[in-house]
Protein backbone atom coordinates (compact mmCIF):
# COMPACT_ATOMS: atom_id res chain seq x y z
CA MET A 1 -26.83 23.35 -48.01
CA GLU A 2 -29.98 21.62 -46.86
CA THR A 3 -31.58 19.12 -49.21
CA GLU A 4 -35.23 19.51 -50.20
CA TYR A 5 -35.76 15.81 -50.83
CA GLU A 6 -35.83 12.78 -48.57
CA LYS A 7 -33.11 10.17 -48.96
CA ILE A 8 -35.51 7.32 -49.75
CA CYS A 9 -35.61 4.68 -52.50
CA LEU A 10 -38.29 6.60 -54.35
CA TYR A 11 -35.59 9.11 -55.44
CA CYS A 12 -32.60 6.72 -55.64
CA GLU A 13 -30.61 5.96 -58.77
CA HIS A 14 -30.44 2.24 -57.85
CA ALA A 15 -34.22 1.76 -57.54
CA ALA A 16 -36.91 1.22 -60.17
CA PRO A 17 -40.69 1.24 -59.65
CA THR A 18 -42.69 -1.99 -59.67
CA TYR A 19 -46.34 -2.65 -60.45
CA GLU A 20 -47.15 -2.06 -56.79
CA ALA A 21 -47.13 1.68 -56.00
CA GLU A 22 -45.45 1.24 -52.59
CA LEU A 23 -42.65 -1.13 -53.70
CA MET A 24 -39.37 -0.49 -55.53
CA SER A 25 -36.93 -2.91 -57.13
CA CYS A 26 -33.47 -2.02 -55.82
CA GLU A 27 -30.34 -3.21 -57.68
CA LEU A 28 -28.59 -3.71 -54.34
CA LYS A 29 -31.26 -4.78 -51.82
CA GLY A 30 -33.98 -6.42 -53.98
CA ILE A 31 -37.66 -5.56 -53.45
CA VAL A 32 -38.06 -2.81 -50.82
CA LYS A 33 -40.68 -0.24 -49.82
CA SER A 34 -40.49 3.13 -51.58
CA CYS A 35 -39.77 4.82 -48.23
CA TYR A 36 -36.81 2.49 -47.46
CA LYS A 37 -33.44 4.12 -46.65
CA CYS A 38 -29.95 2.70 -47.05
CA ARG A 39 -26.37 3.98 -47.11
CA LYS A 40 -25.94 3.44 -50.87
CA PHE A 41 -28.43 6.20 -51.74
CA ILE A 42 -27.58 8.26 -54.86
CA TYR A 43 -30.03 11.02 -55.73
CA ASP A 44 -31.61 10.84 -59.20
CA PRO A 45 -33.20 14.23 -60.04
CA LEU A 46 -35.26 12.73 -62.88
CA LYS A 47 -37.34 10.71 -60.38
CA ARG A 48 -38.49 13.77 -58.44
CA ILE A 49 -42.03 14.97 -59.12
CA PRO A 50 -42.04 18.80 -59.04
CA ARG A 51 -44.63 20.72 -57.07
CA PRO A 52 -47.40 22.33 -59.13
CA PRO A 53 -46.88 26.08 -59.69
CA LYS A 54 -48.66 28.51 -57.38
CA LYS A 55 -51.71 30.19 -58.86
CA LEU A 56 -51.68 33.97 -58.72
CA GLY A 57 -54.62 35.80 -57.21
CA GLU A 58 -56.26 38.65 -59.13
CA GLU A 59 -54.41 41.25 -57.04
CA GLU A 60 -51.07 39.58 -57.89
CA MET A 61 -51.73 39.45 -61.65
CA PRO A 62 -49.35 41.66 -63.65
CA GLN A 63 -51.03 44.52 -65.49
CA VAL A 64 -50.41 44.52 -69.23
């Protein structure tokens, strides 16, 4: 099964956001960039931001 997320600190269970948008506070490594990767990565699904839903065109609208 192929993952649909990147294994970066932005989605890691060990990391928490800081006041700077590009930095994360990691429990294991300290302050790191949000795109940092390490071997201790554990995916946290609550940190993922879902894609916005696709808008249907008029021809795709269901008829009621």
